[in-house]
Protein backbone atom coordinates (compact mmCIF):
# COMPACT_ATOMS: atom_id res chain seq x y z
CA UNK A 1 -8.40 -1.09 3.13
CA UNK A 2 -8.60 -4.84 3.40
CA UNK A 3 -9.50 -7.07 0.48
CA UNK A 4 -12.75 -8.03 2.24
CA UNK A 5 -13.80 -4.39 2.70
CA UNK A 6 -12.84 -3.63 -0.91
CA UNK A 7 -14.97 -6.56 -2.04
CA UNK A 8 -17.91 -5.30 0.03
CA UNK A 9 -17.59 -1.78 -1.40
CA UNK A 10 -16.60 -2.41 -5.02
CA UNK A 11 -18.45 -5.67 -5.73
CA UNK A 12 -21.99 -4.28 -5.35
CA UNK A 13 -21.02 -1.14 -7.26
CA UNK A 14 -19.75 -3.12 -10.23
CA UNK A 15 -22.77 -5.41 -10.12
CA UNK A 16 -25.08 -2.42 -10.11
CA UNK A 17 -23.28 -0.94 -13.10
CA UNK A 18 -23.13 -4.14 -15.17
CA UNK A 19 -26.42 -3.48 -16.96
CA UNK A 20 -25.29 0.05 -17.76
CA UNK A 21 -22.00 -1.15 -19.21
CA UNK A 22 -23.55 -3.89 -21.33
CA UNK A 23 -25.00 -1.79 -24.12
CA UNK A 24 -26.40 -4.58 -26.30
CA UNK A 25 -28.49 -3.10 -29.13
CA UNK A 26 -28.52 0.36 -27.53
CA UNK A 27 -25.06 1.88 -27.31
CA UNK A 28 -24.24 3.88 -24.21
CA UNK A 29 -22.12 6.99 -24.82
CA UNK A 30 -18.53 7.01 -23.65
CA UNK A 31 -17.52 9.37 -20.90
CA UNK A 32 -15.30 12.36 -21.59
CA UNK A 33 -11.65 11.46 -21.02
CA UNK A 34 -10.17 12.64 -17.75
CA UNK A 35 -10.80 12.40 -14.02
CA UNK A 36 -14.34 11.61 -12.84
CA UNK A 37 -15.52 11.86 -9.25
CA UNK A 38 -18.20 9.29 -8.44
CA UNK A 39 -20.22 9.67 -5.26
CA UNK A 40 -22.29 6.61 -4.29
CA UNK A 41 -25.12 6.92 -1.81
CA UNK A 42 -27.05 3.79 -0.75
CA UNK A 43 -30.23 3.33 1.26
CA UNK A 44 -31.34 0.01 2.71
CA UNK A 45 -27.70 -1.04 3.01
CA UNK A 46 -25.22 -0.97 5.88
CA UNK A 47 -22.55 0.39 3.52
CA UNK A 48 -21.65 4.05 4.01
CA UNK A 49 -21.64 6.77 1.37
CA UNK A 50 -18.51 6.45 -0.74
CA UNK A 51 -16.73 8.85 -3.08
CA UNK A 52 -14.04 7.67 -5.44
CA UNK A 53 -12.19 9.05 -8.42
CA UNK A 54 -11.76 7.29 -11.74
CA UNK A 55 -9.24 8.30 -14.41
CA UNK A 56 -10.50 7.24 -17.83
CA UNK A 57 -10.10 7.68 -21.55
CA UNK A 58 -12.02 6.46 -24.61
CA UNK A 59 -10.06 3.19 -24.80
CA UNK A 60 -10.61 2.43 -21.11
CA UNK A 61 -14.36 3.06 -21.29
CA UNK A 62 -14.61 0.80 -24.37
CA UNK A 63 -12.54 -1.89 -22.62
CA UNK A 64 -14.77 -1.68 -19.53
CA UNK A 65 -17.82 -2.32 -21.70
CA UNK A 66 -16.26 -5.33 -23.40
CA UNK A 67 -14.60 -6.71 -20.23
CA UNK A 68 -17.69 -6.48 -18.04
CA UNK A 69 -20.19 -7.53 -20.73
CA UNK A 70 -19.08 -11.18 -20.57
CA UNK A 71 -19.32 -11.04 -16.74
CA UNK A 72 -22.79 -9.55 -17.10
CA UNK A 73 -23.82 -12.35 -19.43
CA UNK A 74 -22.55 -14.94 -16.94
CA UNK A 75 -24.41 -13.56 -13.93
CA UNK A 76 -27.45 -11.87 -15.48
CA UNK A 77 -30.30 -13.77 -17.13
CA UNK A 78 -31.97 -10.50 -18.21
CA UNK A 79 -30.29 -7.26 -19.28
CA UNK A 80 -32.51 -4.76 -21.06
CA UNK A 81 -31.52 -1.21 -21.91
CA UNK A 82 -33.69 1.42 -23.53
CA UNK A 83 -33.01 4.97 -24.68
CA UNK A 84 -35.42 7.51 -23.14
CA UNK A 85 -36.04 11.23 -23.63
CA UNK A 86 -33.79 11.98 -20.63
CA UNK A 87 -31.15 9.25 -20.97
CA UNK A 88 -31.36 5.49 -20.50
CA UNK A 89 -33.28 2.91 -18.47
CA UNK A 90 -31.94 -0.55 -17.67
CA UNK A 91 -33.63 -3.57 -16.13
CA UNK A 92 -31.77 -6.70 -15.10
CA UNK A 93 -32.06 -9.99 -13.24
CA UNK A 94 -28.76 -11.29 -11.90
CA UNK A 95 -27.48 -13.96 -9.53
CA UNK A 96 -24.16 -13.69 -7.71
CA UNK A 97 -22.92 -15.90 -4.87
CA UNK A 98 -26.34 -17.53 -4.56
CA UNK A 99 -28.07 -14.16 -4.23
CA UNK A 100 -30.70 -13.28 -6.84
CA UNK A 101 -31.23 -9.60 -7.56
CA UNK A 102 -33.50 -7.64 -9.85
CA UNK A 103 -32.59 -4.04 -10.57
CA UNK A 104 -33.91 -1.02 -12.40
CA UNK A 105 -31.63 1.91 -13.23
CA UNK A 106 -32.31 5.33 -14.67
CA UNK A 107 -29.29 7.02 -16.21
CA UNK A 108 -29.27 10.71 -17.09
CA UNK A 109 -26.66 13.31 -17.95
CA UNK A 110 -24.38 14.22 -20.78
CA UNK A 111 -21.30 12.01 -20.04
CA UNK A 112 -19.13 15.09 -20.74
CA UNK A 113 -19.57 17.01 -17.49
CA UNK A 114 -21.92 15.00 -15.24
CA UNK A 115 -24.27 12.04 -15.14
CA UNK A 116 -26.43 10.30 -12.55
CA UNK A 117 -27.39 6.64 -12.17
CA UNK A 118 -30.33 5.90 -9.85
CA UNK A 119 -30.67 2.17 -9.19
CA UNK A 120 -33.31 0.32 -7.22
CA UNK A 121 -32.66 -3.33 -6.47
CA UNK A 122 -34.48 -6.18 -4.79
CA UNK A 123 -32.65 -9.24 -3.53
CA UNK A 124 -34.46 -12.33 -2.30
CA UNK A 125 -31.64 -13.39 0.00
CA UNK A 126 -30.29 -10.44 1.93
CA UNK A 127 -28.64 -10.78 5.35
CA UNK A 128 -30.01 -13.71 7.36
CA UNK A 129 -32.05 -14.81 4.32
CA UNK A 130 -34.35 -11.79 4.57
CA UNK A 131 -35.35 -10.10 1.29
CA UNK A 132 -33.93 -6.62 0.94
CA UNK A 133 -34.69 -3.57 -1.17
CA UNK A 134 -31.91 -1.07 -1.73
CA UNK A 135 -31.37 2.06 -3.74
CA UNK A 136 -28.09 3.47 -4.92
CA UNK A 137 -27.45 6.80 -6.57
CA UNK A 138 -24.18 7.42 -8.37
CA UNK A 139 -23.50 11.09 -9.01
CA UNK A 140 -20.55 11.50 -11.34
CA UNK A 141 -18.89 14.73 -12.33
CA UNK A 142 -15.95 15.47 -14.55
CA UNK A 143 -13.10 17.13 -12.63
CA UNK A 144 -10.67 17.78 -15.49
CA UNK A 145 -7.51 16.04 -16.61
CA UNK A 146 -6.23 13.02 -14.70
CA UNK A 147 -3.56 13.78 -12.11
CA UNK A 148 0.07 13.39 -13.27
CA UNK A 149 0.53 10.17 -11.26
CA UNK A 150 -2.64 8.56 -12.69
CA UNK A 151 -3.17 6.46 -15.78
CA UNK A 152 -6.45 5.55 -17.47
CA UNK A 153 -8.27 2.89 -15.47
CA UNK A 154 -6.97 4.05 -12.08
CA UNK A 155 -9.62 4.23 -9.35
CA UNK A 156 -8.79 5.95 -6.08
CA UNK A 157 -11.00 4.60 -3.31
CA UNK A 158 -11.69 6.21 0.08
CA UNK A 159 -8.58 6.22 2.21
CA UNK A 160 -6.35 6.55 -0.85
CA UNK A 161 -6.44 2.86 -1.87
CA UNK A 162 -5.74 2.74 -5.61
CA UNK A 163 -6.39 0.02 -8.16
CA UNK A 164 -6.56 -0.08 -11.93
CA UNK A 165 -9.78 -1.45 -13.38
CA UNK A 166 -7.84 -2.85 -16.32
CA UNK A 167 -6.39 -5.44 -13.94
CA UNK A 168 -9.30 -7.79 -14.73
CA UNK A 169 -7.65 -10.75 -13.02
CA UNK A 170 -7.68 -8.89 -9.70
CA UNK A 171 -11.28 -7.76 -10.17
CA UNK A 172 -12.49 -11.30 -10.83
CA UNK A 173 -11.56 -12.12 -7.25
CA UNK A 174 -13.43 -9.07 -5.89
CA UNK A 175 -16.84 -9.80 -7.38
CA UNK A 176 -18.38 -12.79 -5.56
CA UNK A 177 -19.32 -15.75 -7.75
């Protein structure tokens, strides 16, 4: 997978999850340690459905929250999160690479066996300067222990491409500024 394709696939996913990772006054629960399968389905986007696996532990989930929170603060002028009867709701306004986006996410599940994030987003400057509305659903399920060749933070992308999310320096180059 080329760096450009990885940026196209991973960048929007991380941007969509920034509000969820930045807990602020409301603290999001940590996921159960082990291997999580995350299936992402988008509408209103040319990107195909994507399934990846993420090996995590308590330390990695905490590090993701603290690593991405500063990025969220840099690119998002609004990041609200509220606890609801069924989970969490987040609303954000962000700007990346000259593209402004507002998003609303509903997060439900138990973070021990499965959770779902349903995000709707509106960008003022989609392709060719045309506003675009997109939706993305992330369905995550716990598969069990990480595989023997995996360490916490490893993400296996479609096609077997593997990166470790703890490599923040590499990720900074993937998310457009």
